[in-house]
């Protein structure tokens, strides 16, 4: 089992290379190992609509090594697909390639797959081992598993605050919002935006800060902006309004999933709406940036109080002198078993 885990960890690292590019598909990695331990092929799902990890791994095998496939093992982080979508089924490719042994991380919760891929491979006579580092594979694909099992987007909240807990400073009319982020932490925000299909804010935040909420200085797909505005109060000349979709319902997350096919959303809003989502447990992941500077009597807009409810501190890190706190909601899909 230790050998299986070692190769599966390599496959998981490969899978993570697709972060920000595969949605609504999962991130998947595959490693092909010949008898004796020689790695002869590797691949990952690079982008939605392109070849899956198994296809790319098989394609990477050199012609001189192809005879080794008949006595090789494929390690794949998620159950190979069994249906025709934008690409042919990977389980059929594995069977046709003649690989006799497949080690799978987690099963695929997609109803179009959900055990069928594994069954197809076993019916061909190949050996299939399942559940190797399944928790790690699910955690990597929290977004995909949430969308498939709960039929809603994976919800990430973020905010930045001063050392003494304020999200803004007193400012004159028309002045920009107080900038807590430094160049390094600003890049982490752009990375976070690139990893989400949508970005959600409120009319109050748009009117107060006139944010762009765009992707700058980081590669990836631009998240689609949405504004919650139940009473038509968004400033008609706001910079974001021309690109954003305005939502007026009380449960925007159901709407994002049902009407727009959004499987991951980043919420960047003020403390009132963030506190509401925390109290209602309408969140999965939270990132808080704490700057070194204290605002004192200049501070306004107190940040939500930490810790809170079912929030579990997953990890902390220091970036550019700022403290970054990463929380997950206890019981959220992909939450580490130790937190359940």
C-alpha atoms as a PDB file:
ATOM      1  CA  UNK A   1       0.000   0.000   0.000  1.00  0.00           C
ATOM      2  CA  UNK A   2       2.909   2.377   0.658  1.00  0.00           C
ATOM      3  CA  UNK A   3       3.973   2.002  -2.989  1.00  0.00           C
ATOM      4  CA  UNK A   4       0.436   2.737  -4.140  1.00  0.00           C
ATOM      5  CA  UNK A   5       0.299   5.850  -1.980  1.00  0.00           C
ATOM      6  CA  UNK A   6       3.656   7.102  -3.223  1.00  0.00           C
ATOM      7  CA  UNK A   7       2.583   6.983  -6.870  1.00  0.00           C
ATOM      8  CA  UNK A   8      -0.871   8.349  -6.030  1.00  0.00           C
ATOM      9  CA  UNK A   9       0.726  11.352  -4.312  1.00  0.00           C
ATOM     10  CA  UNK A  10       2.624  11.996  -7.532  1.00  0.00           C
ATOM     11  CA  UNK A  11      -0.661  11.806  -9.442  1.00  0.00           C
ATOM     12  CA  UNK A  12      -2.265  14.260  -7.006  1.00  0.00           C
ATOM     13  CA  UNK A  13       0.582  16.720  -7.516  1.00  0.00           C
ATOM     14  CA  UNK A  14       0.098  16.451 -11.267  1.00  0.00           C
ATOM     15  CA  UNK A  15      -3.656  16.948 -10.893  1.00  0.00           C
ATOM     16  CA  UNK A  16      -3.139  20.213  -9.015  1.00  0.00           C
ATOM     17  CA  UNK A  17      -1.481  21.688 -12.119  1.00  0.00           C
ATOM     18  CA  UNK A  18      -4.957  22.080 -13.588  1.00  0.00           C
ATOM     19  CA  UNK A  19      -6.207  24.370 -10.820  1.00  0.00           C
ATOM     20  CA  UNK A  20      -8.184  27.266 -12.239  1.00  0.00           C
ATOM     21  CA  UNK A  21      -8.504  25.772 -15.731  1.00  0.00           C
ATOM     22  CA  UNK A  22     -10.571  22.557 -15.544  1.00  0.00           C
ATOM     23  CA  UNK A  23     -13.920  23.746 -14.127  1.00  0.00           C
ATOM     24  CA  UNK A  24     -16.578  22.508 -14.209  1.00  0.00           C
ATOM     25  CA  UNK A  25     -14.521  19.324 -14.577  1.00  0.00           C
ATOM     26  CA  UNK A  26     -12.401  18.016 -11.685  1.00  0.00           C
ATOM     27  CA  UNK A  27      -8.631  18.188 -11.444  1.00  0.00           C
ATOM     28  CA  UNK A  28      -7.260  14.728 -12.235  1.00  0.00           C
ATOM     29  CA  UNK A  29      -3.743  13.315 -12.500  1.00  0.00           C
ATOM     30  CA  UNK A  30      -2.503   9.971 -13.813  1.00  0.00           C
ATOM     31  CA  UNK A  31       0.803   8.089 -13.611  1.00  0.00           C
ATOM     32  CA  UNK A  32       1.656   4.900 -15.532  1.00  0.00           C
ATOM     33  CA  UNK A  33       4.229   2.645 -13.867  1.00  0.00           C
ATOM     34  CA  UNK A  34       5.796  -0.356 -15.604  1.00  0.00           C
ATOM     35  CA  UNK A  35       6.769  -3.568 -13.826  1.00  0.00           C
ATOM     36  CA  UNK A  36       9.861  -2.852 -11.748  1.00  0.00           C
ATOM     37  CA  UNK A  37       8.787   0.683 -10.855  1.00  0.00           C
ATOM     38  CA  UNK A  38       9.746   2.637 -13.975  1.00  0.00           C
ATOM     39  CA  UNK A  39       7.401   5.576 -14.636  1.00  0.00           C
ATOM     40  CA  UNK A  40       6.671   5.497 -18.360  1.00  0.00           C
ATOM     41  CA  UNK A  41       3.804   8.000 -18.600  1.00  0.00           C
ATOM     42  CA  UNK A  42       2.271  10.942 -16.765  1.00  0.00           C
ATOM     43  CA  UNK A  43      -0.506  13.405 -17.446  1.00  0.00           C
ATOM     44  CA  UNK A  44      -3.165  15.649 -15.986  1.00  0.00           C
ATOM     45  CA  UNK A  45      -6.360  17.269 -17.148  1.00  0.00           C
ATOM     46  CA  UNK A  46      -5.097  20.629 -18.348  1.00  0.00           C
ATOM     47  CA  UNK A  47      -8.263  22.401 -19.433  1.00  0.00           C
ATOM     48  CA  UNK A  48     -11.987  21.740 -19.737  1.00  0.00           C
ATOM     49  CA  UNK A  49     -12.755  20.333 -23.185  1.00  0.00           C
ATOM     50  CA  UNK A  50      -9.261  18.952 -23.704  1.00  0.00           C
ATOM     51  CA  UNK A  51      -7.826  15.480 -23.077  1.00  0.00           C
ATOM     52  CA  UNK A  52      -8.325  13.935 -19.652  1.00  0.00           C
ATOM     53  CA  UNK A  53      -5.454  12.872 -17.423  1.00  0.00           C
ATOM     54  CA  UNK A  54      -5.566   9.231 -18.561  1.00  0.00           C
ATOM     55  CA  UNK A  55      -5.474  10.234 -22.233  1.00  0.00           C
ATOM     56  CA  UNK A  56      -2.513  12.538 -21.679  1.00  0.00           C
ATOM     57  CA  UNK A  57      -0.658   9.925 -19.636  1.00  0.00           C
ATOM     58  CA  UNK A  58      -1.039   7.266 -22.330  1.00  0.00           C
ATOM     59  CA  UNK A  59      -0.060   9.759 -25.042  1.00  0.00           C
ATOM     60  CA  UNK A  60       3.122  10.621 -23.133  1.00  0.00           C
ATOM     61  CA  UNK A  61       4.443   7.050 -23.259  1.00  0.00           C
ATOM     62  CA  UNK A  62       7.385   6.813 -25.646  1.00  0.00           C
ATOM     63  CA  UNK A  63       7.067   4.446 -28.590  1.00  0.00           C
ATOM     64  CA  UNK A  64      10.014   2.476 -27.233  1.00  0.00           C
ATOM     65  CA  UNK A  65       8.135   1.911 -23.950  1.00  0.00           C
ATOM     66  CA  UNK A  66       4.699   1.075 -25.320  1.00  0.00           C
ATOM     67  CA  UNK A  67       5.300  -2.669 -25.086  1.00  0.00           C
ATOM     68  CA  UNK A  68       5.569  -2.166 -21.304  1.00  0.00           C
ATOM     69  CA  UNK A  69       1.917  -1.087 -21.056  1.00  0.00           C
ATOM     70  CA  UNK A  70       0.817  -4.734 -21.063  1.00  0.00           C
ATOM     71  CA  UNK A  71       2.418  -5.185 -17.621  1.00  0.00           C
ATOM     72  CA  UNK A  72       1.900  -1.718 -16.133  1.00  0.00           C
ATOM     73  CA  UNK A  73      -0.218  -0.041 -13.479  1.00  0.00           C
ATOM     74  CA  UNK A  74      -2.069   3.225 -13.980  1.00  0.00           C
ATOM     75  CA  UNK A  75      -2.560   5.404 -10.916  1.00  0.00           C
ATOM     76  CA  UNK A  76      -5.386   7.895 -11.373  1.00  0.00           C
ATOM     77  CA  UNK A  77      -6.736  10.262  -8.721  1.00  0.00           C
ATOM     78  CA  UNK A  78     -10.404   9.983  -9.756  1.00  0.00           C
ATOM     79  CA  UNK A  79     -12.464   7.179 -11.264  1.00  0.00           C
ATOM     80  CA  UNK A  80     -12.019   7.140 -15.057  1.00  0.00           C
ATOM     81  CA  UNK A  81     -15.072   8.439 -16.910  1.00  0.00           C
ATOM     82  CA  UNK A  82     -17.369   5.986 -18.665  1.00  0.00           C
ATOM     83  CA  UNK A  83     -19.449   8.257 -20.898  1.00  0.00           C
ATOM     84  CA  UNK A  84     -19.022  10.291 -24.051  1.00  0.00           C
ATOM     85  CA  UNK A  85     -18.824  14.006 -23.323  1.00  0.00           C
ATOM     86  CA  UNK A  86     -16.450  16.441 -24.975  1.00  0.00           C
ATOM     87  CA  UNK A  87     -13.987  13.530 -25.086  1.00  0.00           C
ATOM     88  CA  UNK A  88     -14.418   9.717 -25.352  1.00  0.00           C
ATOM     89  CA  UNK A  89     -14.610   7.623 -22.151  1.00  0.00           C
ATOM     90  CA  UNK A  90     -11.259   7.114 -20.444  1.00  0.00           C
ATOM     91  CA  UNK A  91     -12.261   3.720 -19.046  1.00  0.00           C
ATOM     92  CA  UNK A  92     -12.617   2.438 -22.620  1.00  0.00           C
ATOM     93  CA  UNK A  93      -9.188   3.862 -23.512  1.00  0.00           C
ATOM     94  CA  UNK A  94      -7.622   2.011 -20.580  1.00  0.00           C
ATOM     95  CA  UNK A  95      -9.239  -1.241 -21.676  1.00  0.00           C
ATOM     96  CA  UNK A  96      -8.166  -0.789 -25.294  1.00  0.00           C
ATOM     97  CA  UNK A  97      -4.611   0.102 -24.238  1.00  0.00           C
ATOM     98  CA  UNK A  98      -4.345  -3.201 -22.376  1.00  0.00           C
ATOM     99  CA  UNK A  99      -3.168  -1.844 -19.015  1.00  0.00           C
ATOM    100  CA  UNK A 100      -3.864  -4.741 -16.620  1.00  0.00           C
ATOM    101  CA  UNK A 101      -3.995  -2.922 -13.294  1.00  0.00           C
ATOM    102  CA  UNK A 102      -5.547   0.418 -12.281  1.00  0.00           C
ATOM    103  CA  UNK A 103      -5.314   2.106  -8.870  1.00  0.00           C
ATOM    104  CA  UNK A 104      -7.982   4.737  -8.239  1.00  0.00           C
ATOM    105  CA  UNK A 105      -8.051   7.497  -5.633  1.00  0.00           C
ATOM    106  CA  UNK A 106     -11.712   8.466  -5.222  1.00  0.00           C
ATOM    107  CA  UNK A 107     -14.888   7.426  -6.994  1.00  0.00           C
ATOM    108  CA  UNK A 108     -16.566   9.933  -9.305  1.00  0.00           C
ATOM    109  CA  UNK A 109     -19.884  11.237  -7.843  1.00  0.00           C
ATOM    110  CA  UNK A 110     -21.102  12.346 -11.277  1.00  0.00           C
ATOM    111  CA  UNK A 111     -24.258  10.256 -11.962  1.00  0.00           C
ATOM    112  CA  UNK A 112     -22.973   9.652 -15.499  1.00  0.00           C
ATOM    113  CA  UNK A 113     -19.982   7.812 -14.012  1.00  0.00           C
ATOM    114  CA  UNK A 114     -20.435   6.830 -10.324  1.00  0.00           C
ATOM    115  CA  UNK A 115     -18.950   3.337 -10.426  1.00  0.00           C
ATOM    116  CA  UNK A 116     -19.520   2.634 -14.113  1.00  0.00           C
ATOM    117  CA  UNK A 117     -15.943   3.455 -15.086  1.00  0.00           C
ATOM    118  CA  UNK A 118     -14.517   1.067 -12.507  1.00  0.00           C
ATOM    119  CA  UNK A 119     -17.033  -1.612 -13.500  1.00  0.00           C
ATOM    120  CA  UNK A 120     -16.111  -1.293 -17.195  1.00  0.00           C
ATOM    121  CA  UNK A 121     -12.416  -1.796 -16.433  1.00  0.00           C
ATOM    122  CA  UNK A 122     -13.065  -4.774 -14.143  1.00  0.00           C
ATOM    123  CA  UNK A 123     -15.345  -6.410 -16.706  1.00  0.00           C
ATOM    124  CA  UNK A 124     -12.421  -6.375 -19.142  1.00  0.00           C
ATOM    125  CA  UNK A 125     -10.471  -8.574 -16.735  1.00  0.00           C
ATOM    126  CA  UNK A 126      -8.172  -5.862 -15.382  1.00  0.00           C
ATOM    127  CA  UNK A 127      -7.554  -5.488 -11.652  1.00  0.00           C
ATOM    128  CA  UNK A 128      -8.846  -2.317 -10.013  1.00  0.00           C
ATOM    129  CA  UNK A 129      -7.792  -1.103  -6.560  1.00  0.00           C
ATOM    130  CA  UNK A 130      -9.886   1.742  -5.127  1.00  0.00           C
ATOM    131  CA  UNK A 131      -9.769   4.188  -2.226  1.00  0.00           C
ATOM    132  CA  UNK A 132      -6.038   4.984  -2.256  1.00  0.00           C
ATOM    133  CA  UNK A 133      -5.689   8.489  -0.757  1.00  0.00           C
ATOM    134  CA  UNK A 134      -9.393   9.042  -1.423  1.00  0.00           C
ATOM    135  CA  UNK A 135      -9.673  11.803   1.206  1.00  0.00           C
ATOM    136  CA  UNK A 136      -6.841  13.718  -0.429  1.00  0.00           C
ATOM    137  CA  UNK A 137      -8.419  13.378  -3.849  1.00  0.00           C
ATOM    138  CA  UNK A 138     -11.789  14.610  -2.588  1.00  0.00           C
ATOM    139  CA  UNK A 139     -10.121  17.509  -0.759  1.00  0.00           C
ATOM    140  CA  UNK A 140      -8.320  18.540  -3.939  1.00  0.00           C
ATOM    141  CA  UNK A 141     -11.665  18.550  -5.762  1.00  0.00           C
ATOM    142  CA  UNK A 142     -13.832  20.134  -3.076  1.00  0.00           C
ATOM    143  CA  UNK A 143     -15.486  22.278  -5.724  1.00  0.00           C
ATOM    144  CA  UNK A 144     -16.400  19.371  -8.010  1.00  0.00           C
ATOM    145  CA  UNK A 145     -17.671  17.135  -5.205  1.00  0.00           C
ATOM    146  CA  UNK A 146     -19.753  19.961  -3.702  1.00  0.00           C
ATOM    147  CA  UNK A 147     -21.381  20.724  -7.043  1.00  0.00           C
ATOM    148  CA  UNK A 148     -22.076  17.056  -7.809  1.00  0.00           C
ATOM    149  CA  UNK A 149     -23.405  16.040  -4.385  1.00  0.00           C
ATOM    150  CA  UNK A 150     -25.006  19.231  -3.020  1.00  0.00           C
ATOM    151  CA  UNK A 151     -26.000  20.854  -6.328  1.00  0.00           C
ATOM    152  CA  UNK A 152     -24.669  24.271  -5.405  1.00  0.00           C
ATOM    153  CA  UNK A 153     -21.410  26.162  -5.825  1.00  0.00           C
ATOM    154  CA  UNK A 154     -18.471  25.824  -3.481  1.00  0.00           C
ATOM    155  CA  UNK A 155     -18.537  29.126  -1.575  1.00  0.00           C
ATOM    156  CA  UNK A 156     -15.325  30.916  -0.589  1.00  0.00           C
ATOM    157  CA  UNK A 157     -15.393  34.086   1.508  1.00  0.00           C
ATOM    158  CA  UNK A 158     -12.494  36.515   1.777  1.00  0.00           C
ATOM    159  CA  UNK A 159     -11.694  39.776   3.430  1.00  0.00           C
ATOM    160  CA  UNK A 160      -8.708  41.855   4.498  1.00  0.00           C
ATOM    161  CA  UNK A 161      -8.545  43.751   7.786  1.00  0.00           C
ATOM    162  CA  UNK A 162      -6.284  45.846   9.947  1.00  0.00           C
ATOM    163  CA  UNK A 163      -4.433  44.384  12.902  1.00  0.00           C
ATOM    164  CA  UNK A 164      -7.171  45.767  15.176  1.00  0.00           C
ATOM    165  CA  UNK A 165     -10.032  44.315  13.167  1.00  0.00           C
ATOM    166  CA  UNK A 166     -11.301  47.002  10.773  1.00  0.00           C
ATOM    167  CA  UNK A 167     -12.072  46.506   7.080  1.00  0.00           C
ATOM    168  CA  UNK A 168     -11.842  50.193   6.116  1.00  0.00           C
ATOM    169  CA  UNK A 169     -10.614  53.573   7.316  1.00  0.00           C
ATOM    170  CA  UNK A 170     -12.448  56.887   7.490  1.00  0.00           C
ATOM    171  CA  UNK A 171     -12.282  58.582   4.109  1.00  0.00           C
ATOM    172  CA  UNK A 172     -13.781  61.484   2.257  1.00  0.00           C
ATOM    173  CA  UNK A 173     -16.565  61.168  -0.282  1.00  0.00           C
ATOM    174  CA  UNK A 174     -15.315  59.541  -3.477  1.00  0.00           C
ATOM    175  CA  UNK A 175     -12.035  58.418  -1.904  1.00  0.00           C
ATOM    176  CA  UNK A 176     -11.014  54.804  -2.635  1.00  0.00           C
ATOM    177  CA  UNK A 177     -11.334  52.062  -0.054  1.00  0.00           C
ATOM    178  CA  UNK A 178      -8.394  51.596   2.298  1.00  0.00           C
ATOM    179  CA  UNK A 179      -5.841  49.238   0.706  1.00  0.00           C
ATOM    180  CA  UNK A 180      -4.640  46.620   3.183  1.00  0.00           C
ATOM    181  CA  UNK A 181      -2.957  44.267   0.698  1.00  0.00           C
ATOM    182  CA  UNK A 182       0.685  44.543  -0.271  1.00  0.00           C
ATOM    183  CA  UNK A 183       1.997  43.443  -3.698  1.00  0.00           C
ATOM    184  CA  UNK A 184       2.498  39.838  -2.579  1.00  0.00           C
ATOM    185  CA  UNK A 185      -0.858  39.374  -0.883  1.00  0.00           C
ATOM    186  CA  UNK A 186      -2.554  41.121  -3.808  1.00  0.00           C
ATOM    187  CA  UNK A 187      -1.241  38.323  -6.030  1.00  0.00           C
ATOM    188  CA  UNK A 188      -2.784  35.725  -3.740  1.00  0.00           C
ATOM    189  CA  UNK A 189      -6.125  37.475  -4.195  1.00  0.00           C
ATOM    190  CA  UNK A 190      -5.725  37.322  -7.962  1.00  0.00           C
ATOM    191  CA  UNK A 191      -4.862  33.631  -7.703  1.00  0.00           C
ATOM    192  CA  UNK A 192      -8.000  33.079  -5.635  1.00  0.00           C
ATOM    193  CA  UNK A 193     -10.113  34.892  -8.215  1.00  0.00           C
ATOM    194  CA  UNK A 194      -8.624  32.781 -11.010  1.00  0.00           C
ATOM    195  CA  UNK A 195      -9.592  29.617  -9.142  1.00  0.00           C
ATOM    196  CA  UNK A 196     -13.272  30.602  -8.993  1.00  0.00           C
ATOM    197  CA  UNK A 197     -15.786  30.689 -11.817  1.00  0.00           C
ATOM    198  CA  UNK A 198     -17.722  33.616 -10.341  1.00  0.00           C
ATOM    199  CA  UNK A 199     -17.208  36.507  -7.979  1.00  0.00           C
ATOM    200  CA  UNK A 200     -20.091  37.863  -5.903  1.00  0.00           C
ATOM    201  CA  UNK A 201     -20.475  41.222  -4.207  1.00  0.00           C
ATOM    202  CA  UNK A 202     -23.295  43.487  -3.033  1.00  0.00           C
ATOM    203  CA  UNK A 203     -24.746  46.775  -4.214  1.00  0.00           C
ATOM    204  CA  UNK A 204     -23.569  48.359  -0.953  1.00  0.00           C
ATOM    205  CA  UNK A 205     -19.962  47.349  -1.646  1.00  0.00           C
ATOM    206  CA  UNK A 206     -20.150  48.512  -5.268  1.00  0.00           C
ATOM    207  CA  UNK A 207     -21.512  51.906  -4.200  1.00  0.00           C
ATOM    208  CA  UNK A 208     -18.974  52.352  -1.409  1.00  0.00           C
ATOM    209  CA  UNK A 209     -15.812  51.121  -3.172  1.00  0.00           C
ATOM    210  CA  UNK A 210     -16.534  51.042  -6.935  1.00  0.00           C
ATOM    211  CA  UNK A 211     -14.433  47.832  -7.272  1.00  0.00           C
ATOM    212  CA  UNK A 212     -13.374  46.258 -10.568  1.00  0.00           C
ATOM    213  CA  UNK A 213     -13.024  42.707  -9.205  1.00  0.00           C
ATOM    214  CA  UNK A 214     -11.004  41.720 -12.259  1.00  0.00           C
ATOM    215  CA  UNK A 215      -8.045  39.381 -12.682  1.00  0.00           C
ATOM    216  CA  UNK A 216      -4.776  41.317 -12.889  1.00  0.00           C
ATOM    217  CA  UNK A 217      -1.196  40.059 -12.917  1.00  0.00           C
ATOM    218  CA  UNK A 218      -2.126  36.380 -12.643  1.00  0.00           C
ATOM    219  CA  UNK A 219      -2.857  33.871 -15.447  1.00  0.00           C
ATOM    220  CA  UNK A 220      -6.236  32.232 -15.605  1.00  0.00           C
ATOM    221  CA  UNK A 221      -9.843  32.712 -16.535  1.00  0.00           C
ATOM    222  CA  UNK A 222     -11.608  35.910 -15.522  1.00  0.00           C
ATOM    223  CA  UNK A 223     -14.325  35.144 -12.947  1.00  0.00           C
ATOM    224  CA  UNK A 224     -17.813  36.207 -13.959  1.00  0.00           C
ATOM    225  CA  UNK A 225     -19.024  39.068 -11.690  1.00  0.00           C
ATOM    226  CA  UNK A 226     -22.429  39.109  -9.976  1.00  0.00           C
ATOM    227  CA  UNK A 227     -24.004  41.804  -7.793  1.00  0.00           C
ATOM    228  CA  UNK A 228     -26.710  41.179  -5.200  1.00  0.00           C
ATOM    229  CA  UNK A 229     -29.120  44.105  -5.430  1.00  0.00           C
ATOM    230  CA  UNK A 230     -32.606  43.459  -4.111  1.00  0.00           C
ATOM    231  CA  UNK A 231     -33.785  47.066  -4.327  1.00  0.00           C
ATOM    232  CA  UNK A 232     -32.137  48.468  -7.460  1.00  0.00           C
ATOM    233  CA  UNK A 233     -29.659  50.627  -5.567  1.00  0.00           C
ATOM    234  CA  UNK A 234     -26.475  49.925  -7.543  1.00  0.00           C
ATOM    235  CA  UNK A 235     -24.834  53.117  -8.797  1.00  0.00           C
ATOM    236  CA  UNK A 236     -25.697  53.176 -12.542  1.00  0.00           C
ATOM    237  CA  UNK A 237     -22.213  54.440 -13.435  1.00  0.00           C
ATOM    238  CA  UNK A 238     -20.331  51.878 -11.312  1.00  0.00           C
ATOM    239  CA  UNK A 239     -17.310  50.399 -13.115  1.00  0.00           C
ATOM    240  CA  UNK A 240     -18.457  46.836 -12.434  1.00  0.00           C
ATOM    241  CA  UNK A 241     -22.030  47.222 -13.633  1.00  0.00           C
ATOM    242  CA  UNK A 242     -21.349  46.904 -17.356  1.00  0.00           C
ATOM    243  CA  UNK A 243     -19.778  43.457 -16.920  1.00  0.00           C
ATOM    244  CA  UNK A 244     -21.821  42.123 -14.000  1.00  0.00           C
ATOM    245  CA  UNK A 245     -25.109  40.263 -13.749  1.00  0.00           C
ATOM    246  CA  UNK A 246     -27.448  41.670 -11.105  1.00  0.00           C
ATOM    247  CA  UNK A 247     -29.275  39.204  -8.847  1.00  0.00           C
ATOM    248  CA  UNK A 248     -32.283  40.166  -6.780  1.00  0.00           C
ATOM    249  CA  UNK A 249     -33.184  36.893  -5.058  1.00  0.00           C
ATOM    250  CA  UNK A 250     -32.580  35.895  -1.451  1.00  0.00           C
ATOM    251  CA  UNK A 251     -30.570  32.768  -2.261  1.00  0.00           C
ATOM    252  CA  UNK A 252     -28.081  33.733  -4.962  1.00  0.00           C
ATOM    253  CA  UNK A 253     -26.100  30.505  -4.693  1.00  0.00           C
ATOM    254  CA  UNK A 254     -28.954  28.314  -5.909  1.00  0.00           C
ATOM    255  CA  UNK A 255     -29.443  30.746  -8.794  1.00  0.00           C
ATOM    256  CA  UNK A 256     -25.751  30.769  -9.679  1.00  0.00           C
ATOM    257  CA  UNK A 257     -25.722  26.978  -9.903  1.00  0.00           C
ATOM    258  CA  UNK A 258     -29.103  26.444 -11.539  1.00  0.00           C
ATOM    259  CA  UNK A 259     -29.217  29.313 -14.026  1.00  0.00           C
ATOM    260  CA  UNK A 260     -25.538  29.994 -14.728  1.00  0.00           C
ATOM    261  CA  UNK A 261     -23.832  26.642 -14.125  1.00  0.00           C
ATOM    262  CA  UNK A 262     -21.446  28.150 -11.559  1.00  0.00           C
ATOM    263  CA  UNK A 263     -19.693  25.531  -9.407  1.00  0.00           C
ATOM    264  CA  UNK A 264     -17.402  27.878  -7.435  1.00  0.00           C
ATOM    265  CA  UNK A 265     -17.935  31.429  -6.239  1.00  0.00           C
ATOM    266  CA  UNK A 266     -15.729  33.898  -4.363  1.00  0.00           C
ATOM    267  CA  UNK A 267     -17.577  36.402  -2.173  1.00  0.00           C
ATOM    268  CA  UNK A 268     -15.894  39.785  -1.765  1.00  0.00           C
ATOM    269  CA  UNK A 269     -18.260  42.025   0.171  1.00  0.00           C
ATOM    270  CA  UNK A 270     -18.621  44.108   3.312  1.00  0.00           C
ATOM    271  CA  UNK A 271     -18.828  42.876   6.916  1.00  0.00           C
ATOM    272  CA  UNK A 272     -22.634  42.897   7.056  1.00  0.00           C
ATOM    273  CA  UNK A 273     -23.121  40.425   4.204  1.00  0.00           C
ATOM    274  CA  UNK A 274     -20.090  38.335   5.193  1.00  0.00           C
ATOM    275  CA  UNK A 275     -21.404  38.072   8.757  1.00  0.00           C
ATOM    276  CA  UNK A 276     -24.809  37.039   7.424  1.00  0.00           C
ATOM    277  CA  UNK A 277     -23.271  34.203   5.397  1.00  0.00           C
ATOM    278  CA  UNK A 278     -21.180  33.047   8.346  1.00  0.00           C
ATOM    279  CA  UNK A 279     -24.180  32.987  10.685  1.00  0.00           C
ATOM    280  CA  UNK A 280     -26.279  31.149   8.092  1.00  0.00           C
ATOM    281  CA  UNK A 281     -23.446  28.655   7.445  1.00  0.00           C
ATOM    282  CA  UNK A 282     -23.613  29.516   3.753  1.00  0.00           C
ATOM    283  CA  UNK A 283     -19.912  29.099   3.134  1.00  0.00           C
ATOM    284  CA  UNK A 284     -17.289  26.388   2.717  1.00  0.00           C
ATOM    285  CA  UNK A 285     -13.909  28.133   2.838  1.00  0.00           C
ATOM    286  CA  UNK A 286     -12.710  31.460   4.250  1.00  0.00           C
ATOM    287  CA  UNK A 287      -9.485  33.406   3.802  1.00  0.00           C
ATOM    288  CA  UNK A 288      -8.698  36.352   6.056  1.00  0.00           C
ATOM    289  CA  UNK A 289      -5.732  38.663   5.505  1.00  0.00           C
ATOM    290  CA  UNK A 290      -4.564  40.531   8.603  1.00  0.00           C
ATOM    291  CA  UNK A 291      -2.313  43.507   7.907  1.00  0.00           C
ATOM    292  CA  UNK A 292       0.356  44.711  10.319  1.00  0.00           C
ATOM    293  CA  UNK A 293      -1.114  48.199  10.664  1.00  0.00           C
ATOM    294  CA  UNK A 294      -3.661  49.116  13.316  1.00  0.00           C
ATOM    295  CA  UNK A 295      -6.153  51.864  12.377  1.00  0.00           C
ATOM    296  CA  UNK A 296      -7.267  52.884  15.845  1.00  0.00           C
ATOM    297  CA  UNK A 297      -9.863  55.660  15.808  1.00  0.00           C
ATOM    298  CA  UNK A 298      -9.552  55.860  11.997  1.00  0.00           C
ATOM    299  CA  UNK A 299     -11.006  52.386  11.651  1.00  0.00           C
ATOM    300  CA  UNK A 300     -14.536  51.757  10.402  1.00  0.00           C
ATOM    301  CA  UNK A 301     -16.479  48.668   9.262  1.00  0.00           C
ATOM    302  CA  UNK A 302     -15.441  46.145  11.955  1.00  0.00           C
ATOM    303  CA  UNK A 303     -14.690  42.749  10.452  1.00  0.00           C
ATOM    304  CA  UNK A 304     -16.668  39.668  11.474  1.00  0.00           C
ATOM    305  CA  UNK A 305     -15.404  38.324  14.788  1.00  0.00           C
ATOM    306  CA  UNK A 306     -13.098  35.294  14.744  1.00  0.00           C
ATOM    307  CA  UNK A 307     -13.367  32.487  15.697  1.00  0.00           C
ATOM    308  CA  UNK A 308     -16.997  31.752  14.858  1.00  0.00           C
ATOM    309  CA  UNK A 309     -19.515  28.915  14.686  1.00  0.00           C
ATOM    310  CA  UNK A 310     -18.284  25.909  12.765  1.00  0.00           C
ATOM    311  CA  UNK A 311     -15.177  27.544  11.340  1.00  0.00           C
ATOM    312  CA  UNK A 312     -12.030  25.445  11.678  1.00  0.00           C
ATOM    313  CA  UNK A 313      -8.596  26.992  11.191  1.00  0.00           C
ATOM    314  CA  UNK A 314      -7.032  24.808   8.515  1.00  0.00           C
ATOM    315  CA  UNK A 315      -3.694  26.618   8.216  1.00  0.00           C
ATOM    316  CA  UNK A 316      -1.908  29.942   8.660  1.00  0.00           C
ATOM    317  CA  UNK A 317       0.871  31.512   6.649  1.00  0.00           C
ATOM    318  CA  UNK A 318       2.825  34.756   6.511  1.00  0.00           C
ATOM    319  CA  UNK A 319       3.029  36.567   3.192  1.00  0.00           C
ATOM    320  CA  UNK A 320       4.834  39.865   2.883  1.00  0.00           C
ATOM    321  CA  UNK A 321       4.566  40.436   6.621  1.00  0.00           C
ATOM    322  CA  UNK A 322       0.800  39.887   6.642  1.00  0.00           C
ATOM    323  CA  UNK A 323      -0.880  36.980   8.366  1.00  0.00           C
ATOM    324  CA  UNK A 324      -3.143  34.819   6.197  1.00  0.00           C
ATOM    325  CA  UNK A 325      -5.728  32.663   7.970  1.00  0.00           C
ATOM    326  CA  UNK A 326      -7.425  29.831   6.068  1.00  0.00           C
ATOM    327  CA  UNK A 327     -10.627  28.369   7.527  1.00  0.00           C
ATOM    328  CA  UNK A 328     -12.933  25.586   6.405  1.00  0.00           C
ATOM    329  CA  UNK A 329     -16.458  24.970   7.623  1.00  0.00           C
ATOM    330  CA  UNK A 330     -16.697  21.881   9.772  1.00  0.00           C
ATOM    331  CA  UNK A 331     -18.510  19.243   7.753  1.00  0.00           C
ATOM    332  CA  UNK A 332     -17.943  20.931   4.378  1.00  0.00           C
ATOM    333  CA  UNK A 333     -17.226  18.600   1.460  1.00  0.00           C
ATOM    334  CA  UNK A 334     -13.512  17.840   1.400  1.00  0.00           C
ATOM    335  CA  UNK A 335     -12.945  19.025   4.971  1.00  0.00           C
ATOM    336  CA  UNK A 336     -10.126  16.946   6.485  1.00  0.00           C
ATOM    337  CA  UNK A 337     -11.535  14.010   8.480  1.00  0.00           C
ATOM    338  CA  UNK A 338      -9.807  15.280  11.622  1.00  0.00           C
ATOM    339  CA  UNK A 339     -12.153  18.287  11.563  1.00  0.00           C
ATOM    340  CA  UNK A 340     -15.410  16.334  11.167  1.00  0.00           C
END
